[in-house]
Amino acid sequence: MIPPASTPETAEELPFVEDVVSAFYLHLEVADEPGVLAQVAQVLGLQGISVKSVVQRGLGQNARLVMVLHPILESNLRAAVDLIAGLDFMRARPRAIRVIDEEFV
């Protein structure tokens, strides 16, 4: 009979990672009004976030903004998302997804 596998004792504790640097996709459902993109860009800039690319699609009275952001601390992105979510032109809570590896060919 084979003895059960065991885990050896560890000599040190590894630190818990609370904040990571990553690029992100940011998806926003907004009112299609003048100045919306400028206000979103201002909030991102105040958090030290740089936009790599943006696509805007008009949907009648609303619009969809999809941005790819340069790598940043996730805590900075979360702060920006909280601020953007409170703006009066938002139609839904912003959604962000980490970008693991992006390459445009």
PDB file of N, CA and C in Angstrom:
ATOM      1  N   MET A   1       0.836  -1.169   0.000  1.00  0.00           N
ATOM      2  CA  MET A   1       0.000   0.000   0.000  1.00  0.00           C
ATOM      3  C   MET A   1       0.890   1.244   0.000  1.00  0.00           C
ATOM      4  N   ILE A   2       0.529   2.235  -0.809  1.00  0.00           N
ATOM      5  CA  ILE A   2       1.309   3.479  -0.926  1.00  0.00           C
ATOM      6  C   ILE A   2       0.857   4.452   0.157  1.00  0.00           C
ATOM      7  N   PRO A   3       1.800   5.029   0.917  1.00  0.00           N
ATOM      8  CA  PRO A   3       1.418   5.993   1.956  1.00  0.00           C
ATOM      9  C   PRO A   3       0.870   7.275   1.316  1.00  0.00           C
ATOM     10  N   PRO A   4      -0.015   7.996   2.012  1.00  0.00           N
ATOM     11  CA  PRO A   4      -0.576   9.234   1.449  1.00  0.00           C
ATOM     12  C   PRO A   4       0.504  10.299   1.292  1.00  0.00           C
ATOM     13  N   ALA A   5       0.309  11.149   0.305  1.00  0.00           N
ATOM     14  CA  ALA A   5       1.260  12.242   0.066  1.00  0.00           C
ATOM     15  C   ALA A   5       1.184  13.237   1.214  1.00  0.00           C
ATOM     16  N   SER A   6       2.301  13.843   1.504  1.00  0.00           N
ATOM     17  CA  SER A   6       2.322  14.850   2.568  1.00  0.00           C
ATOM     18  C   SER A   6       2.993  16.113   2.056  1.00  0.00           C
ATOM     19  N   THR A   7       2.679  17.212   2.686  1.00  0.00           N
ATOM     20  CA  THR A   7       3.269  18.496   2.342  1.00  0.00           C
ATOM     21  C   THR A   7       4.353  18.799   3.362  1.00  0.00           C
ATOM     22  N   PRO A   8       5.550  19.115   2.889  1.00  0.00           N
ATOM     23  CA  PRO A   8       6.624  19.416   3.847  1.00  0.00           C
ATOM     24  C   PRO A   8       6.354  20.731   4.573  1.00  0.00           C
ATOM     25  N   GLU A   9       6.916  20.835   5.753  1.00  0.00           N
ATOM     26  CA  GLU A   9       6.821  22.074   6.527  1.00  0.00           C
ATOM     27  C   GLU A   9       7.493  23.203   5.749  1.00  0.00           C
ATOM     28  N   THR A  10       6.926  24.396   5.839  1.00  0.00           N
ATOM     29  CA  THR A  10       7.544  25.543   5.184  1.00  0.00           C
ATOM     30  C   THR A  10       8.368  26.321   6.195  1.00  0.00           C
ATOM     31  N   ALA A  11       9.459  26.885   5.711  1.00  0.00           N
ATOM     32  CA  ALA A  11      10.357  27.622   6.590  1.00  0.00           C
ATOM     33  C   ALA A  11      10.001  29.103   6.663  1.00  0.00           C
ATOM     34  N   GLU A  12       9.276  29.595   5.677  1.00  0.00           N
ATOM     35  CA  GLU A  12       8.928  31.012   5.671  1.00  0.00           C
ATOM     36  C   GLU A  12       7.543  31.218   5.085  1.00  0.00           C
ATOM     37  N   GLU A  13       6.943  32.352   5.434  1.00  0.00           N
ATOM     38  CA  GLU A  13       5.635  32.690   4.888  1.00  0.00           C
ATOM     39  C   GLU A  13       5.814  33.601   3.683  1.00  0.00           C
ATOM     40  N   LEU A  14       5.030  33.360   2.667  1.00  0.00           N
ATOM     41  CA  LEU A  14       5.067  34.216   1.493  1.00  0.00           C
ATOM     42  C   LEU A  14       4.121  35.396   1.723  1.00  0.00           C
ATOM     43  N   PRO A  15       4.494  36.580   1.222  1.00  0.00           N
ATOM     44  CA  PRO A  15       3.630  37.739   1.427  1.00  0.00           C
ATOM     45  C   PRO A  15       2.341  37.610   0.611  1.00  0.00           C
ATOM     46  N   PHE A  16       1.260  38.130   1.160  1.00  0.00           N
ATOM     47  CA  PHE A  16      -0.020  38.161   0.465  1.00  0.00           C
ATOM     48  C   PHE A  16      -0.024  39.366  -0.462  1.00  0.00           C
ATOM     49  N   VAL A  17      -0.327  39.153  -1.741  1.00  0.00           N
ATOM     50  CA  VAL A  17      -0.331  40.240  -2.719  1.00  0.00           C
ATOM     51  C   VAL A  17      -1.700  40.908  -2.681  1.00  0.00           C
ATOM     52  N   GLU A  18      -1.706  42.184  -2.292  1.00  0.00           N
ATOM     53  CA  GLU A  18      -2.970  42.918  -2.190  1.00  0.00           C
ATOM     54  C   GLU A  18      -3.229  43.800  -3.400  1.00  0.00           C
ATOM     55  N   ASP A  19      -2.193  44.149  -4.126  1.00  0.00           N
ATOM     56  CA  ASP A  19      -2.350  45.046  -5.264  1.00  0.00           C
ATOM     57  C   ASP A  19      -1.416  44.575  -6.369  1.00  0.00           C
ATOM     58  N   VAL A  20      -1.923  44.544  -7.598  1.00  0.00           N
ATOM     59  CA  VAL A  20      -1.117  44.079  -8.719  1.00  0.00           C
ATOM     60  C   VAL A  20      -1.142  45.111  -9.836  1.00  0.00           C
ATOM     61  N   VAL A  21      -0.114  45.076 -10.648  1.00  0.00           N
ATOM     62  CA  VAL A  21      -0.056  45.927 -11.828  1.00  0.00           C
ATOM     63  C   VAL A  21      -0.532  45.095 -13.010  1.00  0.00           C
ATOM     64  N   SER A  22      -1.446  45.659 -13.775  1.00  0.00           N
ATOM     65  CA  SER A  22      -1.974  44.961 -14.940  1.00  0.00           C
ATOM     66  C   SER A  22      -2.551  45.979 -15.910  1.00  0.00           C
ATOM     67  N   ALA A  23      -2.648  45.595 -17.164  1.00  0.00           N
ATOM     68  CA  ALA A  23      -3.446  46.349 -18.127  1.00  0.00           C
ATOM     69  C   ALA A  23      -4.891  45.902 -17.929  1.00  0.00           C
ATOM     70  N   PHE A  24      -5.838  46.724 -18.334  1.00  0.00           N
ATOM     71  CA  PHE A  24      -7.247  46.411 -18.157  1.00  0.00           C
ATOM     72  C   PHE A  24      -8.057  46.810 -19.376  1.00  0.00           C
ATOM     73  N   TYR A  25      -9.155  46.063 -19.598  1.00  0.00           N
ATOM     74  CA  TYR A  25     -10.235  46.515 -20.461  1.00  0.00           C
ATOM     75  C   TYR A  25     -11.219  47.223 -19.552  1.00  0.00           C
ATOM     76  N   LEU A  26     -11.751  48.365 -19.988  1.00  0.00           N
ATOM     77  CA  LEU A  26     -12.767  49.077 -19.228  1.00  0.00           C
ATOM     78  C   LEU A  26     -13.975  49.258 -20.131  1.00  0.00           C
ATOM     79  N   HIS A  27     -15.124  48.763 -19.693  1.00  0.00           N
ATOM     80  CA  HIS A  27     -16.359  48.793 -20.468  1.00  0.00           C
ATOM     81  C   HIS A  27     -17.345  49.726 -19.777  1.00  0.00           C
ATOM     82  N   LEU A  28     -17.817  50.747 -20.514  1.00  0.00           N
ATOM     83  CA  LEU A  28     -18.729  51.737 -19.946  1.00  0.00           C
ATOM     84  C   LEU A  28     -19.974  51.881 -20.805  1.00  0.00           C
ATOM     85  N   GLU A  29     -21.135  51.882 -20.167  1.00  0.00           N
ATOM     86  CA  GLU A  29     -22.405  52.198 -20.822  1.00  0.00           C
ATOM     87  C   GLU A  29     -22.779  53.597 -20.348  1.00  0.00           C
ATOM     88  N   VAL A  30     -22.846  54.558 -21.289  1.00  0.00           N
ATOM     89  CA  VAL A  30     -23.016  55.959 -20.932  1.00  0.00           C
ATOM     90  C   VAL A  30     -24.104  56.614 -21.787  1.00  0.00           C
ATOM     91  N   ALA A  31     -24.538  57.813 -21.360  1.00  0.00           N
ATOM     92  CA  ALA A  31     -25.409  58.632 -22.202  1.00  0.00           C
ATOM     93  C   ALA A  31     -24.562  59.164 -23.356  1.00  0.00           C
ATOM     94  N   ASP A  32     -25.161  59.256 -24.533  1.00  0.00           N
ATOM     95  CA  ASP A  32     -24.447  59.777 -25.702  1.00  0.00           C
ATOM     96  C   ASP A  32     -24.612  61.296 -25.703  1.00  0.00           C
ATOM     97  N   GLU A  33     -23.742  61.959 -24.938  1.00  0.00           N
ATOM     98  CA  GLU A  33     -23.796  63.417 -24.773  1.00  0.00           C
ATOM     99  C   GLU A  33     -22.400  63.995 -24.966  1.00  0.00           C
ATOM    100  N   PRO A  34     -22.321  65.267 -25.381  1.00  0.00           N
ATOM    101  CA  PRO A  34     -21.006  65.906 -25.508  1.00  0.00           C
ATOM    102  C   PRO A  34     -20.285  65.958 -24.166  1.00  0.00           C
ATOM    103  N   GLY A  35     -18.978  65.700 -24.175  1.00  0.00           N
ATOM    104  CA  GLY A  35     -18.151  65.821 -22.989  1.00  0.00           C
ATOM    105  C   GLY A  35     -18.019  64.581 -22.131  1.00  0.00           C
ATOM    106  N   VAL A  36     -18.780  63.535 -22.441  1.00  0.00           N
ATOM    107  CA  VAL A  36     -18.726  62.317 -21.626  1.00  0.00           C
ATOM    108  C   VAL A  36     -17.329  61.687 -21.680  1.00  0.00           C
ATOM    109  N   LEU A  37     -16.806  61.512 -22.877  1.00  0.00           N
ATOM    110  CA  LEU A  37     -15.476  60.911 -23.015  1.00  0.00           C
ATOM    111  C   LEU A  37     -14.421  61.767 -22.310  1.00  0.00           C
ATOM    112  N   ALA A  38     -14.544  63.082 -22.411  1.00  0.00           N
ATOM    113  CA  ALA A  38     -13.590  63.980 -21.752  1.00  0.00           C
ATOM    114  C   ALA A  38     -13.648  63.826 -20.233  1.00  0.00           C
ATOM    115  N   GLN A  39     -14.851  63.701 -19.664  1.00  0.00           N
ATOM    116  CA  GLN A  39     -14.971  63.546 -18.213  1.00  0.00           C
ATOM    117  C   GLN A  39     -14.393  62.217 -17.743  1.00  0.00           C
ATOM    118  N   VAL A  40     -14.646  61.158 -18.507  1.00  0.00           N
ATOM    119  CA  VAL A  40     -14.080  59.840 -18.158  1.00  0.00           C
ATOM    120  C   VAL A  40     -12.558  59.905 -18.218  1.00  0.00           C
ATOM    121  N   ALA A  41     -12.019  60.507 -19.280  1.00  0.00           N
ATOM    122  CA  ALA A  41     -10.568  60.619 -19.431  1.00  0.00           C
ATOM    123  C   ALA A  41      -9.961  61.446 -18.293  1.00  0.00           C
ATOM    124  N   GLN A  42     -10.666  62.476 -17.850  1.00  0.00           N
ATOM    125  CA  GLN A  42     -10.160  63.301 -16.750  1.00  0.00           C
ATOM    126  C   GLN A  42     -10.063  62.490 -15.456  1.00  0.00           C
ATOM    127  N   VAL A  43     -11.103  61.712 -15.150  1.00  0.00           N
ATOM    128  CA  VAL A  43     -11.073  60.879 -13.943  1.00  0.00           C
ATOM    129  C   VAL A  43      -9.934  59.868 -14.024  1.00  0.00           C
ATOM    130  N   LEU A  44      -9.772  59.234 -15.177  1.00  0.00           N
ATOM    131  CA  LEU A  44      -8.687  58.267 -15.340  1.00  0.00           C
ATOM    132  C   LEU A  44      -7.335  58.950 -15.157  1.00  0.00           C
ATOM    133  N   GLY A  45      -7.162  60.116 -15.775  1.00  0.00           N
ATOM    134  CA  GLY A  45      -5.909  60.849 -15.662  1.00  0.00           C
ATOM    135  C   GLY A  45      -5.582  61.248 -14.233  1.00  0.00           C
ATOM    136  N   LEU A  46      -6.601  61.636 -13.468  1.00  0.00           N
ATOM    137  CA  LEU A  46      -6.375  62.022 -12.072  1.00  0.00           C
ATOM    138  C   LEU A  46      -5.914  60.836 -11.222  1.00  0.00           C
ATOM    139  N   GLN A  47      -6.219  59.628 -11.656  1.00  0.00           N
ATOM    140  CA  GLN A  47      -5.763  58.421 -10.957  1.00  0.00           C
ATOM    141  C   GLN A  47      -4.458  57.886 -11.543  1.00  0.00           C
ATOM    142  N   GLY A  48      -3.875  58.637 -12.480  1.00  0.00           N
ATOM    143  CA  GLY A  48      -2.606  58.220 -13.084  1.00  0.00           C
ATOM    144  C   GLY A  48      -2.762  57.126 -14.117  1.00  0.00           C
ATOM    145  N   ILE A  49      -3.948  57.027 -14.711  1.00  0.00           N
ATOM    146  CA  ILE A  49      -4.242  55.956 -15.664  1.00  0.00           C
ATOM    147  C   ILE A  49      -4.178  56.500 -17.085  1.00  0.00           C
ATOM    148  N   SER A  50      -3.428  55.801 -17.934  1.00  0.00           N
ATOM    149  CA  SER A  50      -3.270  56.183 -19.332  1.00  0.00           C
ATOM    150  C   SER A  50      -4.073  55.234 -20.224  1.00  0.00           C
ATOM    151  N   VAL A  51      -4.765  55.805 -21.199  1.00  0.00           N
ATOM    152  CA  VAL A  51      -5.590  55.022 -22.130  1.00  0.00           C
ATOM    153  C   VAL A  51      -4.746  54.622 -23.334  1.00  0.00           C
ATOM    154  N   LYS A  52      -4.738  53.333 -23.623  1.00  0.00           N
ATOM    155  CA  LYS A  52      -4.007  52.815 -24.784  1.00  0.00           C
ATOM    156  C   LYS A  52      -4.863  52.909 -26.042  1.00  0.00           C
ATOM    157  N   SER A  53      -6.151  52.557 -25.908  1.00  0.00           N
ATOM    158  CA  SER A  53      -7.068  52.656 -27.049  1.00  0.00           C
ATOM    159  C   SER A  53      -8.486  52.807 -26.540  1.00  0.00           C
ATOM    160  N   VAL A  54      -9.340  53.368 -27.398  1.00  0.00           N
ATOM    161  CA  VAL A  54     -10.750  53.536 -27.045  1.00  0.00           C
ATOM    162  C   VAL A  54     -11.603  53.355 -28.303  1.00  0.00           C
ATOM    163  N   VAL A  55     -12.724  52.684 -28.122  1.00  0.00           N
ATOM    164  CA  VAL A  55     -13.717  52.531 -29.182  1.00  0.00           C
ATOM    165  C   VAL A  55     -15.040  52.998 -28.614  1.00  0.00           C
ATOM    166  N   GLN A  56     -15.736  53.863 -29.370  1.00  0.00           N
ATOM    167  CA  GLN A  56     -17.045  54.353 -28.936  1.00  0.00           C
ATOM    168  C   GLN A  56     -18.079  53.969 -29.982  1.00  0.00           C
ATOM    169  N   ARG A  57     -19.181  53.384 -29.521  1.00  0.00           N
ATOM    170  CA  ARG A  57     -20.298  53.015 -30.395  1.00  0.00           C
ATOM    171  C   ARG A  57     -21.555  53.709 -29.903  1.00  0.00           C
ATOM    172  N   GLY A  58     -22.188  54.472 -30.779  1.00  0.00           N
ATOM    173  CA  GLY A  58     -23.452  55.109 -30.441  1.00  0.00           C
ATOM    174  C   GLY A  58     -24.578  54.092 -30.475  1.00  0.00           C
ATOM    175  N   LEU A  59     -25.468  54.182 -29.489  1.00  0.00           N
ATOM    176  CA  LEU A  59     -26.621  53.272 -29.386  1.00  0.00           C
ATOM    177  C   LEU A  59     -27.869  54.106 -29.146  1.00  0.00           C
ATOM    178  N   GLY A  60     -28.229  54.943 -30.109  1.00  0.00           N
ATOM    179  CA  GLY A  60     -29.372  55.835 -29.916  1.00  0.00           C
ATOM    180  C   GLY A  60     -29.015  56.944 -28.949  1.00  0.00           C
ATOM    181  N   GLN A  61     -29.721  57.015 -27.824  1.00  0.00           N
ATOM    182  CA  GLN A  61     -29.454  58.025 -26.802  1.00  0.00           C
ATOM    183  C   GLN A  61     -28.272  57.645 -25.907  1.00  0.00           C
ATOM    184  N   ASN A  62     -27.770  56.440 -26.043  1.00  0.00           N
ATOM    185  CA  ASN A  62     -26.678  55.941 -25.217  1.00  0.00           C
ATOM    186  C   ASN A  62     -25.475  55.605 -26.090  1.00  0.00           C
ATOM    187  N   ALA A  63     -24.377  55.300 -25.427  1.00  0.00           N
ATOM    188  CA  ALA A  63     -23.164  54.896 -26.135  1.00  0.00           C
ATOM    189  C   ALA A  63     -22.412  53.881 -25.289  1.00  0.00           C
ATOM    190  N   ARG A  64     -21.595  53.097 -25.954  1.00  0.00           N
ATOM    191  CA  ARG A  64     -20.728  52.125 -25.281  1.00  0.00           C
ATOM    192  C   ARG A  64     -19.286  52.557 -25.524  1.00  0.00           C
ATOM    193  N   LEU A  65     -18.539  52.698 -24.444  1.00  0.00           N
ATOM    194  CA  LEU A  65     -17.108  52.993 -24.531  1.00  0.00           C
ATOM    195  C   LEU A  65     -16.336  51.759 -24.071  1.00  0.00           C
ATOM    196  N   VAL A  66     -15.422  51.307 -24.890  1.00  0.00           N
ATOM    197  CA  VAL A  66     -14.552  50.192 -24.512  1.00  0.00           C
ATOM    198  C   VAL A  66     -13.124  50.694 -24.631  1.00  0.00           C
ATOM    199  N   MET A  67     -12.416  50.655 -23.510  1.00  0.00           N
ATOM    200  CA  MET A  67     -11.047  51.162 -23.468  1.00  0.00           C
ATOM    201  C   MET A  67     -10.083  50.056 -23.083  1.00  0.00           C
ATOM    202  N   VAL A  68      -8.878  50.143 -23.607  1.00  0.00           N
ATOM    203  CA  VAL A  68      -7.773  49.328 -23.128  1.00  0.00           C
ATOM    204  C   VAL A  68      -6.852  50.305 -22.413  1.00  0.00           C
ATOM    205  N   LEU A  69      -6.523  49.995 -21.170  1.00  0.00           N
ATOM    206  CA  LEU A  69      -5.700  50.869 -20.352  1.00  0.00           C
ATOM    207  C   LEU A  69      -4.284  50.312 -20.231  1.00  0.00           C
ATOM    208  N   HIS A  70      -3.308  51.198 -20.214  1.00  0.00           N
ATOM    209  CA  HIS A  70      -1.928  50.776 -19.983  1.00  0.00           C
ATOM    210  C   HIS A  70      -1.827  50.172 -18.577  1.00  0.00           C
ATOM    211  N   PRO A  71      -0.813  49.340 -18.326  1.00  0.00           N
ATOM    212  CA  PRO A  71      -0.671  48.719 -16.998  1.00  0.00           C
ATOM    213  C   PRO A  71      -0.643  49.756 -15.873  1.00  0.00           C
ATOM    214  N   ILE A  72      -1.424  49.459 -14.827  1.00  0.00           N
ATOM    215  CA  ILE A  72      -1.550  50.331 -13.657  1.00  0.00           C
ATOM    216  C   ILE A  72      -1.809  49.464 -12.436  1.00  0.00           C
ATOM    217  N   LEU A  73      -1.690  50.062 -11.259  1.00  0.00           N
ATOM    218  CA  LEU A  73      -2.076  49.358 -10.043  1.00  0.00           C
ATOM    219  C   LEU A  73      -3.588  49.161 -10.037  1.00  0.00           C
ATOM    220  N   GLU A  74      -4.008  47.977  -9.684  1.00  0.00           N
ATOM    221  CA  GLU A  74      -5.441  47.686  -9.648  1.00  0.00           C
ATOM    222  C   GLU A  74      -6.179  48.614  -8.687  1.00  0.00           C
ATOM    223  N   SER A  75      -5.542  49.008  -7.598  1.00  0.00           N
ATOM    224  CA  SER A  75      -6.185  49.915  -6.645  1.00  0.00           C
ATOM    225  C   SER A  75      -6.490  51.269  -7.289  1.00  0.00           C
ATOM    226  N   ASN A  76      -5.624  51.746  -8.180  1.00  0.00           N
ATOM    227  CA  ASN A  76      -5.894  52.999  -8.891  1.00  0.00           C
ATOM    228  C   ASN A  76      -7.094  52.840  -9.820  1.00  0.00           C
ATOM    229  N   LEU A  77      -7.165  51.700 -10.500  1.00  0.00           N
ATOM    230  CA  LEU A  77      -8.302  51.454 -11.376  1.00  0.00           C
ATOM    231  C   LEU A  77      -9.597  51.394 -10.569  1.00  0.00           C
ATOM    232  N   ARG A  78      -9.582  50.699  -9.453  1.00  0.00           N
ATOM    233  CA  ARG A  78     -10.796  50.581  -8.635  1.00  0.00           C
ATOM    234  C   ARG A  78     -11.253  51.946  -8.133  1.00  0.00           C
ATOM    235  N   ALA A  79     -10.313  52.799  -7.756  1.00  0.00           N
ATOM    236  CA  ALA A  79     -10.669  54.153  -7.325  1.00  0.00           C
ATOM    237  C   ALA A  79     -11.318  54.924  -8.471  1.00  0.00           C
ATOM    238  N   ALA A  80     -10.745  54.816  -9.673  1.00  0.00           N
ATOM    239  CA  ALA A  80     -11.310  55.495 -10.839  1.00  0.00           C
ATOM    240  C   ALA A  80     -12.694  54.951 -11.174  1.00  0.00           C
ATOM    241  N   VAL A  81     -12.867  53.628 -11.130  1.00  0.00           N
ATOM    242  CA  VAL A  81     -14.166  53.013 -11.432  1.00  0.00           C
ATOM    243  C   VAL A  81     -15.228  53.506 -10.453  1.00  0.00           C
ATOM    244  N   ASP A  82     -14.872  53.613  -9.168  1.00  0.00           N
ATOM    245  CA  ASP A  82     -15.829  54.112  -8.175  1.00  0.00           C
ATOM    246  C   ASP A  82     -16.234  55.553  -8.479  1.00  0.00           C
ATOM    247  N   LEU A  83     -15.274  56.384  -8.883  1.00  0.00           N
ATOM    248  CA  LEU A  83     -15.590  57.767  -9.224  1.00  0.00           C
ATOM    249  C   LEU A  83     -16.442  57.848 -10.491  1.00  0.00           C
ATOM    250  N   ILE A  84     -16.079  57.082 -11.506  1.00  0.00           N
ATOM    251  CA  ILE A  84     -16.818  57.086 -12.769  1.00  0.00           C
ATOM    252  C   ILE A  84     -18.245  56.583 -12.553  1.00  0.00           C
ATOM    253  N   ALA A  85     -18.405  55.567 -11.717  1.00  0.00           N
ATOM    254  CA  ALA A  85     -19.738  55.002 -11.461  1.00  0.00           C
ATOM    255  C   ALA A  85     -20.703  56.049 -10.912  1.00  0.00           C
ATOM    256  N   GLY A  86     -20.190  57.067 -10.216  1.00  0.00           N
ATOM    257  CA  GLY A  86     -21.035  58.094  -9.626  1.00  0.00           C
ATOM    258  C   GLY A  86     -21.397  59.238 -10.558  1.00  0.00           C
ATOM    259  N   LEU A  87     -20.853  59.242 -11.767  1.00  0.00           N
ATOM    260  CA  LEU A  87     -21.155  60.324 -12.703  1.00  0.00           C
ATOM    261  C   LEU A  87     -22.571  60.173 -13.256  1.00  0.00           C
ATOM    262  N   ASP A  88     -23.237  61.301 -13.476  1.00  0.00           N
ATOM    263  CA  ASP A  88     -24.667  61.268 -13.821  1.00  0.00           C
ATOM    264  C   ASP A  88     -24.975  60.694 -15.201  1.00  0.00           C
ATOM    265  N   PHE A  89     -24.010  60.615 -16.078  1.00  0.00           N
ATOM    266  CA  PHE A  89     -24.270  60.090 -17.424  1.00  0.00           C
ATOM    267  C   PHE A  89     -24.112  58.576 -17.523  1.00  0.00           C
ATOM    268  N   MET A  90     -23.681  57.936 -16.437  1.00  0.00           N
ATOM    269  CA  MET A  90     -23.485  56.482 -16.468  1.00  0.00           C
ATOM    270  C   MET A  90     -24.832  55.768 -16.514  1.00  0.00           C
ATOM    271  N   ARG A  91     -24.932  54.735 -17.346  1.00  0.00           N
ATOM    272  CA  ARG A  91     -26.164  53.947 -17.479  1.00  0.00           C
ATOM    273  C   ARG A  91     -26.069  52.603 -16.757  1.00  0.00           C
ATOM    274  N   ALA A  92     -24.853  52.194 -16.423  1.00  0.00           N
ATOM    275  CA  ALA A  92     -24.612  50.937 -15.693  1.00  0.00           C
ATOM    276  C   ALA A  92     -23.260  51.056 -15.007  1.00  0.00           C
ATOM    277  N   ARG A  93     -23.028  50.214 -14.025  1.00  0.00           N
ATOM    278  CA  ARG A  93     -21.736  50.219 -13.318  1.00  0.00           C
ATOM    279  C   ARG A  93     -20.632  49.850 -14.307  1.00  0.00           C
ATOM    280  N   PRO A  94     -19.499  50.581 -14.301  1.00  0.00           N
ATOM    281  CA  PRO A  94     -18.379  50.223 -15.178  1.00  0.00           C
ATOM    282  C   PRO A  94     -17.888  48.806 -14.888  1.00  0.00           C
ATOM    283  N   ARG A  95     -17.413  48.146 -15.936  1.00  0.00           N
ATOM    284  CA  ARG A  95     -16.860  46.803 -15.791  1.00  0.00           C
ATOM    285  C   ARG A  95     -15.414  46.812 -16.251  1.00  0.00           C
ATOM    286  N   ALA A  96     -14.561  46.190 -15.466  1.00  0.00           N
ATOM    287  CA  ALA A  96     -13.139  46.120 -15.802  1.00  0.00           C
ATOM    288  C   ALA A  96     -12.689  44.670 -15.777  1.00  0.00           C
ATOM    289  N   ILE A  97     -11.825  44.333 -16.732  1.00  0.00           N
ATOM    290  CA  ILE A  97     -11.288  42.983 -16.837  1.00  0.00           C
ATOM    291  C   ILE A  97      -9.782  43.108 -17.041  1.00  0.00           C
ATOM    292  N   ARG A  98      -9.011  42.318 -16.299  1.00  0.00           N
ATOM    293  CA  ARG A  98      -7.555  42.319 -16.485  1.00  0.00           C
ATOM    294  C   ARG A  98      -7.188  41.812 -17.868  1.00  0.00           C
ATOM    295  N   VAL A  99      -6.174  42.418 -18.433  1.00  0.00           N
ATOM    296  CA  VAL A  99      -5.617  41.959 -19.700  1.00  0.00           C
ATOM    297  C   VAL A  99      -4.318  41.238 -19.368  1.00  0.00           C
ATOM    298  N   ILE A 100      -4.285  39.949 -19.616  1.00  0.00           N
ATOM    299  CA  ILE A 100      -3.113  39.151 -19.285  1.00  0.00           C
ATOM    300  C   ILE A 100      -1.998  39.387 -20.292  1.00  0.00           C
ATOM    301  N   ASP A 101      -2.309  39.257 -21.565  1.00  0.00           N
ATOM    302  CA  ASP A 101      -1.314  39.464 -22.615  1.00  0.00           C
ATOM    303  C   ASP A 101      -2.047  39.964 -23.829  1.00  0.00           C
ATOM    304  N   GLU A 102      -1.644  41.124 -24.313  1.00  0.00           N
ATOM    305  CA  GLU A 102      -2.312  41.696 -25.465  1.00  0.00           C
ATOM    306  C   GLU A 102      -1.297  41.981 -26.542  1.00  0.00           C
ATOM    307  N   GLU A 103      -1.622  41.544 -27.750  1.00  0.00           N
ATOM    308  CA  GLU A 103      -0.749  41.815 -28.864  1.00  0.00           C
ATOM    309  C   GLU A 103      -1.615  42.022 -30.095  1.00  0.00           C
ATOM    310  N   PHE A 104      -1.505  43.199 -30.692  1.00  0.00           N
ATOM    311  CA  PHE A 104      -2.251  43.473 -31.908  1.00  0.00           C
ATOM    312  C   PHE A 104      -1.378  43.091 -33.091  1.00  0.00           C
ATOM    313  N   VAL A 105      -1.926  42.263 -33.966  1.00  0.00           N
ATOM    314  CA  VAL A 105      -1.164  41.799 -35.119  1.00  0.00           C
ATOM    315  C   VAL A 105      -1.733  42.432 -36.372  1.00  0.00           C
TER     316      VAL A 105
END
